[in-house]
């Protein structure tokens, strides 16, 4: 038996779990009704009864009984939106061999929902929502995939669209070619019960080869990790002590983090901790472990529980031997083959969609990226926008040396929720801390670390992406024992390679690089960075931001990219929300 979540009367009145074959019983006149995009097995009832209001964080398997392709009206005209939906139906028939009986065409009240059977033959899994979203984005880019996520909802057929006061209405595929929007509008004014297909005819052809790869629930052991027994002796002592009422949940969180950082596969960690915490329900343990693995939470030796069990035998903070290792061509071939055959794009950054440029622009593990620009051109805002955008690249470590923590957090909220400073302040005067959920993948350090301290941070928190805002302060820090940007750049590059991470370092430019003798702005190049420019020379990629402080337009360009095609694009900086918005690609 499969189950779905429904929302009755409004999108926020959700969390009702029903059998999927009972959905028709909840269709009422003059009332909105939504259902979950995906369906679930009985484990969803345990999830909701544990206190969760939506399927967010659900650790069971997701299922898909049909695919819904959403053609959103947005700011387009009604006739254009209808033509776009008809084009998609033609594509389904011509390229994917679907008959008119295998396509259910629905007017949603504003746009169109095109329901089709699962032509890809997806396999149920916890990663299914991400796999379906990636696949639909690749195969049907004309469709809106916002509802395709673990907690996504879609309007139920024959129910009211409160905004347009029209009903989601079924139209036979054979009839849509002769209909105008006015025709559809006329029949959508009234609820039409019973006139819809109950099932689809059997498919003659499927396309499983088009399914996009997604993240696996296995964490590969990173060869740069030390022997786990030498890293965190405290967690071994916690395990040996057994369960302790009052601290079980807190200890389980730390042990989950320890196992994740030690390279233990997810399923093995779940099984082991279920056996250890026998007084807790298996589902509660599984949900906690999965959440820690997904979000990448890490705890330092200053953590209250880890400090309680600290042991002098642990050598986690001792510096490792940095003697270089010699690799043969065969060794490099093996390393390269492993990288290419891995799901490397999931652990990399493609700036194409973020910057809305025409070509792929990849930042991959081990890359050192320099970001340069004059004071006041919003280099920090660029880094914050990128960090918020990379919600699937957890964890991100943001080292902030310039802003106060309150200002940094407020701007993250503004960017993530498209809010003004005033709106954020008013929200927190009346509400609890809930807006940080959209960027919980970002962790912070609000101090100036040395290079050695940076390595300790990377070992402890295992970030995929490190943002240094700014590198100038680290170069000047006396406790590094380094007096040149060249030495800092070399050590950062070694750090990236050693731990297979990506680093973006923000670097100021010199006054000479900003203006010519007449006071006019100069065009940036890789030698514009403050100092000797040796830092930029050591970078794999250098990005530059140009513009005028009093203007809202920012020109973003690639000044250096070892393996990428150069680009120049403009973005509009909304100074009310600090969001980078659409400009023009050159």
Protein backbone atom coordinates (compact mmCIF):
# COMPACT_ATOMS: atom_id res chain seq x y z
CA UNK A 1 0.00 0.00 0.00
CA UNK A 2 1.32 3.43 -0.98
CA UNK A 3 0.62 6.67 0.86
CA UNK A 4 0.66 10.33 -0.10
CA UNK A 5 0.65 13.60 1.82
CA UNK A 6 -2.15 16.05 1.15
CA UNK A 7 -2.74 19.74 1.97
CA UNK A 8 -6.38 20.75 2.38
CA UNK A 9 -7.70 24.24 1.71
CA UNK A 10 -4.25 25.86 1.54
CA UNK A 11 -0.63 24.89 0.94
CA UNK A 12 0.31 25.38 4.59
CA UNK A 13 -2.46 23.11 5.91
CA UNK A 14 -0.46 19.98 5.19
CA UNK A 15 0.85 16.88 6.92
CA UNK A 16 -2.21 14.66 6.32
CA UNK A 17 -1.18 11.14 5.28
CA UNK A 18 -3.72 9.11 3.30
CA UNK A 19 -3.76 6.01 1.11
CA UNK A 20 -3.09 7.12 -2.45
CA UNK A 21 -6.22 5.36 -3.78
CA UNK A 22 -8.43 7.42 -1.43
CA UNK A 23 -7.45 10.80 -2.88
CA UNK A 24 -10.72 11.30 -4.79
CA UNK A 25 -12.60 11.27 -1.47
CA UNK A 26 -10.96 14.57 -0.52
CA UNK A 27 -11.94 16.50 -3.66
CA UNK A 28 -14.47 19.16 -2.60
CA UNK A 29 -16.19 22.04 -4.42
CA UNK A 30 -14.71 25.51 -3.85
CA UNK A 31 -11.70 24.10 -1.95
CA UNK A 32 -8.05 23.82 -2.87
CA UNK A 33 -6.36 20.42 -2.54
CA UNK A 34 -2.74 19.44 -3.07
CA UNK A 35 -0.96 16.10 -2.99
CA UNK A 36 2.70 15.16 -2.62
CA UNK A 37 4.58 14.81 -5.89
CA UNK A 38 5.96 11.50 -4.61
CA UNK A 39 4.33 8.65 -2.70
CA UNK A 40 5.65 6.70 0.29
CA UNK A 41 5.46 3.39 2.09
CA UNK A 42 4.21 3.00 5.67
CA UNK A 43 7.38 4.53 7.11
CA UNK A 44 5.98 7.99 6.29
CA UNK A 45 3.45 7.54 9.10
CA UNK A 46 6.31 7.00 11.58
CA UNK A 47 8.01 10.11 10.19
CA UNK A 48 4.96 12.35 10.66
CA UNK A 49 4.08 10.88 14.06
CA UNK A 50 7.61 11.69 15.25
CA UNK A 51 6.67 15.37 15.14
CA UNK A 52 7.58 16.32 11.58
CA UNK A 53 4.98 18.32 9.66
CA UNK A 54 6.25 17.55 6.15
CA UNK A 55 8.31 14.80 4.45
CA UNK A 56 11.43 16.97 4.82
CA UNK A 57 14.15 14.79 6.33
CA UNK A 58 12.25 11.57 5.54
CA UNK A 59 14.68 8.63 5.50
CA UNK A 60 12.46 6.01 3.84
CA UNK A 61 12.00 5.31 0.16
CA UNK A 62 10.18 7.64 -2.23
CA UNK A 63 8.02 6.25 -5.05
CA UNK A 64 6.61 7.85 -8.19
CA UNK A 65 3.33 6.66 -9.69
CA UNK A 66 3.25 9.22 -12.51
CA UNK A 67 5.31 12.12 -13.81
CA UNK A 68 3.77 15.60 -13.78
CA UNK A 69 5.35 18.11 -16.17
CA UNK A 70 4.49 21.63 -15.04
CA UNK A 71 4.22 24.40 -17.63
CA UNK A 72 4.15 27.50 -15.46
CA UNK A 73 2.52 30.65 -16.83
CA UNK A 74 4.74 33.08 -14.94
CA UNK A 75 4.70 36.45 -16.70
CA UNK A 76 3.86 34.96 -20.10
CA UNK A 77 0.58 35.45 -21.93
CA UNK A 78 -2.16 32.83 -21.73
CA UNK A 79 -1.92 31.97 -25.44
CA UNK A 80 1.89 31.64 -25.28
CA UNK A 81 1.63 29.32 -22.26
CA UNK A 82 -0.93 27.13 -24.05
CA UNK A 83 1.26 26.96 -27.17
CA UNK A 84 4.24 25.94 -25.01
CA UNK A 85 2.17 23.15 -23.42
CA UNK A 86 1.04 21.91 -26.85
CA UNK A 87 4.65 21.85 -28.02
CA UNK A 88 5.56 19.64 -25.08
CA UNK A 89 2.73 17.23 -25.91
CA UNK A 90 4.05 17.01 -29.49
CA UNK A 91 7.51 16.27 -28.15
CA UNK A 92 6.15 13.47 -25.93
CA UNK A 93 4.39 11.88 -28.89
CA UNK A 94 7.15 12.29 -31.45
CA UNK A 95 10.26 11.61 -29.37
CA UNK A 96 8.96 9.34 -26.61
CA UNK A 97 6.31 7.34 -28.49
CA UNK A 98 3.44 8.25 -26.16
CA UNK A 99 -0.11 7.92 -27.45
CA UNK A 100 -2.87 10.42 -26.69
CA UNK A 101 -4.24 7.96 -24.10
CA UNK A 102 -0.87 7.99 -22.31
CA UNK A 103 -0.91 11.77 -21.88
CA UNK A 104 -3.30 13.44 -19.43
CA UNK A 105 -3.51 17.15 -20.26
CA UNK A 106 -4.71 19.35 -17.37
CA UNK A 107 -5.27 23.09 -17.16
CA UNK A 108 -4.02 23.96 -13.65
CA UNK A 109 -5.97 27.19 -13.28
CA UNK A 110 -3.14 29.34 -14.66
CA UNK A 111 -0.69 27.04 -16.44
CA UNK A 112 -0.76 23.37 -17.43
CA UNK A 113 0.06 20.02 -15.83
CA UNK A 114 0.89 17.24 -18.25
CA UNK A 115 0.61 13.86 -16.50
CA UNK A 116 2.39 10.89 -18.08
CA UNK A 117 3.38 7.39 -16.90
CA UNK A 118 6.91 6.76 -15.61
CA UNK A 119 8.67 6.47 -18.97
CA UNK A 120 12.09 6.21 -17.26
CA UNK A 121 11.31 3.27 -14.90
CA UNK A 122 12.68 4.98 -11.79
CA UNK A 123 13.68 2.75 -8.87
CA UNK A 124 12.27 3.70 -5.45
CA UNK A 125 14.95 5.15 -3.16
CA UNK A 126 15.56 7.95 -0.69
CA UNK A 127 17.44 9.84 -3.42
CA UNK A 128 14.56 9.51 -5.93
CA UNK A 129 13.35 13.16 -5.72
CA UNK A 130 16.81 14.44 -6.63
CA UNK A 131 17.16 11.84 -9.38
CA UNK A 132 13.77 12.69 -10.89
CA UNK A 133 14.47 16.44 -10.72
CA UNK A 134 17.88 16.07 -12.40
CA UNK A 135 16.39 13.81 -15.09
CA UNK A 136 13.45 16.10 -15.86
CA UNK A 137 15.75 19.13 -16.01
CA UNK A 138 17.92 17.29 -18.53
CA UNK A 139 15.14 15.78 -20.69
CA UNK A 140 12.36 18.37 -20.34
CA UNK A 141 14.03 21.75 -19.67
CA UNK A 142 10.84 23.53 -20.73
CA UNK A 143 9.03 22.19 -17.65
CA UNK A 144 9.20 23.82 -14.20
CA UNK A 145 10.67 21.37 -11.65
CA UNK A 146 10.15 23.45 -8.49
CA UNK A 147 7.54 20.95 -7.14
CA UNK A 148 9.94 18.03 -7.73
CA UNK A 149 11.52 17.73 -4.29
CA UNK A 150 10.98 15.58 -1.17
CA UNK A 151 8.33 17.94 0.23
CA UNK A 152 6.93 19.18 -3.09
CA UNK A 153 3.17 19.44 -3.62
CA UNK A 154 1.12 19.51 -6.83
CA UNK A 155 -2.48 20.66 -7.29
CA UNK A 156 -5.03 17.81 -7.44
CA UNK A 157 -7.26 17.52 -10.52
CA UNK A 158 -10.82 18.91 -10.39
CA UNK A 159 -9.98 21.24 -7.47
CA UNK A 160 -10.07 25.01 -7.22
CA UNK A 161 -7.19 27.36 -7.94
CA UNK A 162 -7.94 30.03 -5.33
CA UNK A 163 -5.87 32.66 -7.10
CA UNK A 164 -7.57 32.39 -10.50
CA UNK A 165 -10.92 31.03 -9.22
CA UNK A 166 -10.69 28.36 -11.95
CA UNK A 167 -10.58 24.59 -11.54
CA UNK A 168 -7.80 22.24 -12.50
CA UNK A 169 -9.54 20.76 -15.54
CA UNK A 170 -8.83 17.69 -17.66
CA UNK A 171 -8.85 18.12 -21.46
CA UNK A 172 -8.54 15.20 -23.86
CA UNK A 173 -5.24 15.27 -25.71
CA UNK A 174 -7.05 14.82 -29.02
CA UNK A 175 -8.99 18.05 -28.40
CA UNK A 176 -6.28 20.47 -27.26
CA UNK A 177 -5.09 21.21 -30.81
CA UNK A 178 -8.38 22.90 -31.67
CA UNK A 179 -8.81 24.87 -28.44
CA UNK A 180 -7.88 28.43 -27.57
CA UNK A 181 -7.28 29.76 -24.06
CA UNK A 182 -10.77 31.29 -24.12
CA UNK A 183 -12.25 27.84 -24.72
CA UNK A 184 -10.31 26.39 -21.78
CA UNK A 185 -11.17 29.32 -19.54
CA UNK A 186 -14.88 28.78 -20.20
CA UNK A 187 -14.93 25.11 -19.15
CA UNK A 188 -12.60 25.67 -16.15
CA UNK A 189 -15.13 27.93 -14.41
CA UNK A 190 -17.06 24.90 -13.16
CA UNK A 191 -15.91 21.75 -11.37
CA UNK A 192 -16.14 18.75 -13.72
CA UNK A 193 -16.06 15.55 -11.66
CA UNK A 194 -15.37 12.15 -13.17
CA UNK A 195 -14.03 13.26 -16.54
CA UNK A 196 -10.41 12.16 -16.19
CA UNK A 197 -8.29 9.06 -16.94
CA UNK A 198 -7.96 6.65 -13.98
CA UNK A 199 -4.84 4.93 -15.36
CA UNK A 200 -2.52 4.85 -18.37
CA UNK A 201 -2.23 2.11 -21.04
CA UNK A 202 0.92 -0.02 -20.89
CA UNK A 203 4.05 1.59 -22.32
CA UNK A 204 5.57 0.11 -25.47
CA UNK A 205 8.91 1.81 -24.91
CA UNK A 206 10.79 3.16 -21.89
CA UNK A 207 13.94 5.25 -21.49
CA UNK A 208 15.89 4.17 -18.37
CA UNK A 209 19.19 5.16 -20.05
CA UNK A 210 18.16 8.83 -19.71
CA UNK A 211 18.05 8.70 -15.90
CA UNK A 212 20.61 11.09 -14.44
CA UNK A 213 23.05 9.87 -11.80
CA UNK A 214 22.59 11.16 -8.26
CA UNK A 215 24.36 10.98 -4.93
CA UNK A 216 24.92 7.54 -3.44
CA UNK A 217 24.31 6.78 0.21
CA UNK A 218 27.84 5.41 0.48
CA UNK A 219 30.58 7.72 1.65
CA UNK A 220 33.89 6.85 -0.01
CA UNK A 221 36.86 6.72 2.34
CA UNK A 222 39.15 9.63 1.60
CA UNK A 223 42.76 8.46 1.40
CA UNK A 224 43.91 11.65 3.14
CA UNK A 225 42.19 10.72 6.42
CA UNK A 226 44.26 9.46 9.31
CA UNK A 227 43.52 6.24 11.15
CA UNK A 228 40.17 7.01 12.85
CA UNK A 229 41.31 5.45 16.15
CA UNK A 230 44.02 8.11 16.36
CA UNK A 231 41.76 11.04 15.49
CA UNK A 232 38.92 11.03 17.98
CA UNK A 233 39.67 8.90 21.00
CA UNK A 234 36.85 10.68 22.81
CA UNK A 235 34.18 9.06 20.62
CA UNK A 236 35.64 5.61 21.26
CA UNK A 237 35.27 6.30 24.99
CA UNK A 238 31.67 7.47 24.50
CA UNK A 239 30.91 4.22 22.68
CA UNK A 240 32.54 2.08 25.37
CA UNK A 241 30.51 3.78 28.11
CA UNK A 242 27.25 2.72 26.46
CA UNK A 243 23.87 4.46 26.60
CA UNK A 244 23.33 7.16 29.18
CA UNK A 245 19.81 8.49 29.72
CA UNK A 246 19.63 12.24 29.29
CA UNK A 247 22.45 12.51 26.75
CA UNK A 248 21.55 9.75 24.27
CA UNK A 249 20.44 12.04 21.45
CA UNK A 250 23.38 14.45 21.83
CA UNK A 251 25.86 11.56 21.92
CA UNK A 252 24.22 9.94 18.89
CA UNK A 253 24.64 13.16 16.89
CA UNK A 254 28.36 13.34 17.69
CA UNK A 255 28.92 9.64 17.02
CA UNK A 256 27.12 9.97 13.66
CA UNK A 257 29.39 12.88 12.74
CA UNK A 258 32.45 10.89 13.82
CA UNK A 259 31.45 7.90 11.68
CA UNK A 260 30.73 10.11 8.66
CA UNK A 261 34.11 11.86 8.91
CA UNK A 262 35.79 8.48 9.30
CA UNK A 263 34.42 7.30 5.96
CA UNK A 264 31.95 4.76 7.38
CA UNK A 265 29.16 3.97 4.85
CA UNK A 266 25.75 5.33 5.80
CA UNK A 267 23.97 1.99 6.06
CA UNK A 268 26.71 0.59 8.28
CA UNK A 269 26.52 3.64 10.55
CA UNK A 270 22.73 3.28 10.85
CA UNK A 271 22.95 -0.42 11.71
CA UNK A 272 25.74 0.10 14.23
CA UNK A 273 24.05 2.96 16.06
CA UNK A 274 20.67 1.20 16.10
CA UNK A 275 22.41 -1.67 17.86
CA UNK A 276 24.12 0.72 20.28
CA UNK A 277 21.08 2.88 21.15
CA UNK A 278 18.62 0.07 21.72
CA UNK A 279 16.36 2.11 24.00
CA UNK A 280 15.53 4.45 21.08
CA UNK A 281 13.26 3.50 18.18
CA UNK A 282 15.13 2.26 15.09
CA UNK A 283 13.43 4.93 12.97
CA UNK A 284 14.52 7.75 15.30
CA UNK A 285 18.12 6.55 15.11
CA UNK A 286 17.97 6.19 11.32
CA UNK A 287 16.47 9.66 10.87
CA UNK A 288 19.16 11.25 13.06
CA UNK A 289 22.05 9.49 11.31
CA UNK A 290 20.76 10.28 7.81
CA UNK A 291 20.32 13.94 8.75
CA UNK A 292 23.91 14.19 10.00
CA UNK A 293 25.28 12.50 6.85
CA UNK A 294 23.23 14.75 4.56
CA UNK A 295 24.00 18.04 6.30
CA UNK A 296 27.64 17.30 7.06
CA UNK A 297 27.59 18.45 10.68
CA UNK A 298 30.95 18.39 12.45
CA UNK A 299 32.00 19.07 16.05
CA UNK A 300 35.31 20.41 17.33
CA UNK A 301 37.33 19.32 20.34
CA UNK A 302 35.87 22.33 22.16
CA UNK A 303 32.41 20.76 21.93
CA UNK A 304 30.98 20.10 25.40
CA UNK A 305 30.56 16.33 25.02
CA UNK A 306 33.79 15.71 23.10
CA UNK A 307 35.75 17.80 25.62
CA UNK A 308 34.28 15.72 28.46
CA UNK A 309 35.91 12.58 27.05
CA UNK A 310 39.11 14.21 25.77
CA UNK A 311 42.16 11.93 25.97
CA UNK A 312 45.86 12.83 25.74
CA UNK A 313 46.44 9.81 23.47
CA UNK A 314 44.49 11.49 20.64
CA UNK A 315 46.81 13.09 18.09
CA UNK A 316 44.12 14.81 16.00
CA UNK A 317 45.64 18.24 16.42
CA UNK A 318 49.21 17.21 15.73
CA UNK A 319 50.64 18.31 12.40
CA UNK A 320 50.96 15.53 9.85
CA UNK A 321 54.16 14.79 7.97
CA UNK A 322 54.15 16.99 4.84
CA UNK A 323 56.96 15.15 2.99
CA UNK A 324 56.03 14.97 -0.69
CA UNK A 325 55.16 11.62 -2.24
CA UNK A 326 56.40 10.61 -5.69
CA UNK A 327 53.74 9.33 -8.11
CA UNK A 328 54.31 7.34 -11.30
CA UNK A 329 52.33 7.88 -14.50
CA UNK A 330 50.38 4.73 -13.63
CA UNK A 331 49.54 6.19 -10.21
CA UNK A 332 48.26 9.37 -11.84
CA UNK A 333 46.28 7.32 -14.34
CA UNK A 334 44.57 5.39 -11.53
CA UNK A 335 43.78 8.62 -9.68
CA UNK A 336 42.40 10.26 -12.82
CA UNK A 337 40.31 7.20 -13.73
CA UNK A 338 38.84 7.07 -10.23
CA UNK A 339 37.96 10.76 -10.44
CA UNK A 340 36.33 10.54 -13.90
CA UNK A 341 34.35 7.40 -13.00
CA UNK A 342 33.11 8.96 -9.77
CA UNK A 343 30.10 11.26 -9.64
CA UNK A 344 32.54 14.17 -9.76
CA UNK A 345 30.03 16.78 -10.93
CA UNK A 346 28.09 16.40 -7.66
CA UNK A 347 31.16 17.51 -5.70
CA UNK A 348 32.08 20.30 -8.13
CA UNK A 349 30.69 23.75 -8.94
CA UNK A 350 29.38 24.78 -12.35
CA UNK A 351 29.04 28.56 -12.53
CA UNK A 352 26.91 28.34 -15.69
CA UNK A 353 23.49 28.45 -14.05
CA UNK A 354 24.53 30.64 -11.12
CA UNK A 355 25.92 33.36 -13.39
CA UNK A 356 23.52 32.58 -16.27
CA UNK A 357 26.34 32.31 -18.81
CA UNK A 358 26.20 30.34 -22.06
CA UNK A 359 28.91 27.74 -21.38
CA UNK A 360 29.85 25.41 -18.56
CA UNK A 361 32.45 26.85 -16.18
CA UNK A 362 33.62 24.19 -13.72
CA UNK A 363 35.36 24.57 -10.39
CA UNK A 364 36.47 21.09 -9.38
CA UNK A 365 38.03 19.61 -6.23
CA UNK A 366 41.63 20.83 -5.71
CA UNK A 367 40.96 24.13 -7.53
CA UNK A 368 42.08 27.38 -5.89
CA UNK A 369 39.91 30.31 -7.02
CA UNK A 370 40.82 33.95 -6.57
CA UNK A 371 38.09 36.62 -6.53
CA UNK A 372 39.41 40.16 -6.97
CA UNK A 373 37.80 43.59 -7.20
CA UNK A 374 37.96 47.07 -5.77
CA UNK A 375 36.60 47.97 -2.33
CA UNK A 376 32.82 48.40 -2.28
CA UNK A 377 32.08 46.25 -5.36
CA UNK A 378 30.38 43.53 -3.29
CA UNK A 379 32.91 40.72 -3.44
CA UNK A 380 31.46 39.41 -0.16
CA UNK A 381 27.93 39.58 -1.59
CA UNK A 382 29.10 37.52 -4.57
CA UNK A 383 30.59 34.87 -2.27
CA UNK A 384 27.46 34.83 -0.08
CA UNK A 385 25.14 34.51 -3.08
CA UNK A 386 27.23 31.60 -4.39
CA UNK A 387 27.30 29.87 -0.99
CA UNK A 388 23.51 30.12 -0.62
CA UNK A 389 23.03 28.85 -4.19
CA UNK A 390 25.15 25.73 -3.51
CA UNK A 391 22.66 24.15 -1.08
CA UNK A 392 23.49 20.61 -2.26
CA UNK A 393 27.24 21.09 -1.67
CA UNK A 394 27.30 20.51 2.09
CA UNK A 395 29.18 21.50 4.12
CA UNK A 396 30.57 24.87 3.06
CA UNK A 397 32.98 26.60 5.46
CA UNK A 398 32.86 30.41 5.32
CA UNK A 399 35.85 32.09 7.00
CA UNK A 400 34.87 35.70 7.67
CA UNK A 401 37.64 38.12 8.68
CA UNK A 402 35.95 41.45 7.90
CA UNK A 403 32.25 41.53 8.81
CA UNK A 404 30.66 41.24 12.21
CA UNK A 405 28.78 37.97 12.62
CA UNK A 406 25.39 39.71 12.96
CA UNK A 407 25.85 41.62 9.72
CA UNK A 408 27.08 38.52 7.90
CA UNK A 409 24.10 36.45 9.10
CA UNK A 410 21.56 39.16 8.30
CA UNK A 411 22.82 39.43 4.74
CA UNK A 412 22.69 35.64 4.34
CA UNK A 413 19.02 35.81 5.39
CA UNK A 414 18.37 38.70 2.96
CA UNK A 415 19.94 36.79 0.06
CA UNK A 416 18.32 33.44 0.85
CA UNK A 417 14.82 34.87 1.36
CA UNK A 418 14.95 37.96 -0.90
CA UNK A 419 14.25 40.24 2.07
CA UNK A 420 15.24 43.77 2.93
CA UNK A 421 17.19 44.71 6.06
CA UNK A 422 14.00 46.08 7.61
CA UNK A 423 12.04 42.90 6.83
CA UNK A 424 14.69 40.70 8.46
CA UNK A 425 14.77 42.82 11.59
CA UNK A 426 10.98 42.88 11.84
CA UNK A 427 10.82 39.12 11.37
CA UNK A 428 13.23 38.38 14.21
CA UNK A 429 11.50 40.81 16.53
CA UNK A 430 8.39 38.64 16.34
CA UNK A 431 9.60 35.16 15.39
CA UNK A 432 12.04 32.46 16.42
CA UNK A 433 15.08 31.30 14.47
CA UNK A 434 13.61 29.64 11.39
CA UNK A 435 15.00 31.48 8.38
CA UNK A 436 18.46 29.88 8.65
CA UNK A 437 17.09 26.55 7.34
CA UNK A 438 17.71 27.63 3.74
CA UNK A 439 21.44 27.99 4.32
CA UNK A 440 22.11 25.49 7.09
CA UNK A 441 24.72 23.90 4.83
CA UNK A 442 27.03 26.87 5.54
CA UNK A 443 29.29 26.87 8.62
CA UNK A 444 31.25 29.90 9.83
CA UNK A 445 34.48 31.07 11.42
CA UNK A 446 34.57 34.72 12.48
CA UNK A 447 38.28 35.18 13.16
CA UNK A 448 41.61 35.33 11.34
CA UNK A 449 43.16 31.85 11.27
CA UNK A 450 46.69 30.92 10.41
CA UNK A 451 47.39 28.45 7.60
CA UNK A 452 48.01 25.69 10.18
CA UNK A 453 44.70 26.51 11.88
CA UNK A 454 42.97 26.38 8.50
CA UNK A 455 44.26 22.85 8.02
CA UNK A 456 42.90 21.85 11.43
CA UNK A 457 39.53 23.32 10.45
CA UNK A 458 39.48 21.38 7.18
CA UNK A 459 40.38 18.13 9.00
CA UNK A 460 37.67 18.65 11.60
CA UNK A 461 34.83 19.88 9.41
CA UNK A 462 35.65 18.18 6.10
CA UNK A 463 34.16 20.99 3.94
CA UNK A 464 33.69 20.57 0.22
CA UNK A 465 34.04 24.29 -0.42
CA UNK A 466 36.13 26.76 1.63
CA UNK A 467 35.51 30.51 1.28
CA UNK A 468 38.17 32.89 2.67
CA UNK A 469 36.87 36.44 3.05
CA UNK A 470 39.53 37.85 2.79
CA UNK A 471 42.91 36.31 2.01
CA UNK A 472 44.57 39.67 2.70
CA UNK A 473 44.04 39.28 6.45
CA UNK A 474 45.49 35.77 6.45
CA UNK A 475 48.54 36.96 4.52
CA UNK A 476 49.09 39.73 7.11
CA UNK A 477 48.45 37.51 10.15
CA UNK A 478 51.66 37.44 12.18
CA UNK A 479 50.99 34.04 13.67
CA UNK A 480 51.31 32.36 10.27
CA UNK A 481 55.05 32.79 10.35
CA UNK A 482 54.77 33.70 6.67
CA UNK A 483 55.51 37.14 5.31
CA UNK A 484 54.56 36.73 1.66
CA UNK A 485 51.41 36.05 -0.30
CA UNK A 486 53.39 33.62 -2.44
CA UNK A 487 53.97 31.32 0.54
CA UNK A 488 50.30 31.54 1.60
CA UNK A 489 49.15 30.74 -1.94
CA UNK A 490 51.43 27.69 -2.08
CA UNK A 491 50.15 26.34 1.22
CA UNK A 492 46.52 26.91 0.24
CA UNK A 493 47.11 25.08 -3.02
CA UNK A 494 48.70 22.18 -1.09
CA UNK A 495 45.77 22.17 1.33
CA UNK A 496 43.30 21.86 -1.57
CA UNK A 497 45.16 18.94 -3.09
CA UNK A 498 45.75 17.20 0.23
CA UNK A 499 42.06 17.21 1.24
CA UNK A 500 40.50 17.38 -2.26
CA UNK A 501 38.52 20.55 -1.53
CA UNK A 502 37.77 23.74 -3.45
CA UNK A 503 38.77 27.13 -2.05
CA UNK A 504 37.65 30.62 -3.07
CA UNK A 505 39.81 33.41 -1.64
CA UNK A 506 38.71 37.04 -1.86
CA UNK A 507 41.61 39.41 -2.54
CA UNK A 508 41.61 43.22 -2.67
CA UNK A 509 43.24 45.12 -5.51
CA UNK A 510 45.80 47.89 -5.19
CA UNK A 511 44.99 51.57 -5.67
CA UNK A 512 47.30 51.58 -8.69
CA UNK A 513 45.29 48.73 -10.25
CA UNK A 514 41.98 50.49 -9.62
CA UNK A 515 42.61 53.90 -11.24
CA UNK A 516 44.93 55.37 -13.84
CA UNK A 517 46.78 58.69 -13.49
CA UNK A 518 43.64 60.58 -14.53
CA UNK A 519 41.43 58.89 -11.95
CA UNK A 520 39.61 56.69 -14.45
CA UNK A 521 38.79 53.05 -13.59
CA UNK A 522 41.18 50.50 -15.07
CA UNK A 523 40.28 47.12 -16.53
CA UNK A 524 41.15 44.22 -14.20
CA UNK A 525 43.74 41.57 -15.05
CA UNK A 526 45.45 38.84 -13.03
CA UNK A 527 48.14 41.33 -11.96
CA UNK A 528 45.60 43.69 -10.38
CA UNK A 529 45.64 41.95 -7.01
CA UNK A 530 47.13 43.75 -4.05
CA UNK A 531 50.83 43.06 -3.59
CA UNK A 532 52.98 41.18 -6.05
CA UNK A 533 50.06 39.31 -7.75
CA UNK A 534 51.85 36.04 -7.00
CA UNK A 535 48.68 34.83 -5.26
CA UNK A 536 46.66 35.11 -8.49
CA UNK A 537 49.46 33.39 -10.40
CA UNK A 538 49.16 30.37 -8.09
CA UNK A 539 45.36 30.23 -8.53
CA UNK A 540 43.75 27.82 -10.97
CA UNK A 541 40.92 30.28 -11.62
CA UNK A 542 40.73 34.04 -11.13
CA UNK A 543 37.41 35.90 -11.28
CA UNK A 544 37.14 39.68 -11.32
CA UNK A 545 34.34 42.08 -10.39
CA UNK A 546 34.22 45.52 -12.01
CA UNK A 547 31.80 48.42 -11.67
CA UNK A 548 31.19 51.64 -9.83
CA UNK A 549 30.28 51.79 -6.17
CA UNK A 550 27.42 54.20 -6.85
CA UNK A 551 26.05 51.97 -9.63
CA UNK A 552 24.11 48.70 -9.25
CA UNK A 553 25.62 46.90 -12.26
CA UNK A 554 28.52 44.51 -11.67
CA UNK A 555 30.64 43.11 -14.51
CA UNK A 556 31.90 39.64 -13.62
CA UNK A 557 34.61 38.14 -15.78
CA UNK A 558 37.03 35.24 -15.81
CA UNK A 559 40.57 36.57 -15.80
CA UNK A 560 42.18 33.16 -15.67
CA UNK A 561 40.93 29.59 -16.04
CA UNK A 562 43.30 26.75 -16.72
CA UNK A 563 40.62 24.56 -18.27
CA UNK A 564 37.59 26.80 -18.88
CA UNK A 565 36.39 29.04 -21.70
CA UNK A 566 36.60 32.76 -20.74
CA UNK A 567 33.39 34.65 -20.04
CA UNK A 568 32.19 38.15 -19.23
CA UNK A 569 28.72 38.71 -17.83
CA UNK A 570 26.84 41.48 -16.07
CA UNK A 571 24.73 41.07 -12.95
CA UNK A 572 22.41 43.50 -11.24
CA UNK A 573 23.04 43.89 -7.51
CA UNK A 574 19.79 44.49 -5.66
CA UNK A 575 21.12 46.68 -2.87
CA UNK A 576 17.91 46.21 -0.93
CA UNK A 577 18.37 42.42 -0.62
CA UNK A 578 22.04 41.96 -1.71
CA UNK A 579 20.91 39.37 -4.26
CA UNK A 580 22.72 39.14 -7.56
CA UNK A 581 20.05 39.24 -10.23
CA UNK A 582 19.96 38.74 -13.93
CA UNK A 583 22.14 40.87 -16.18
CA UNK A 584 23.48 40.13 -19.67
CA UNK A 585 25.90 37.48 -20.91
CA UNK A 586 28.51 38.53 -23.44
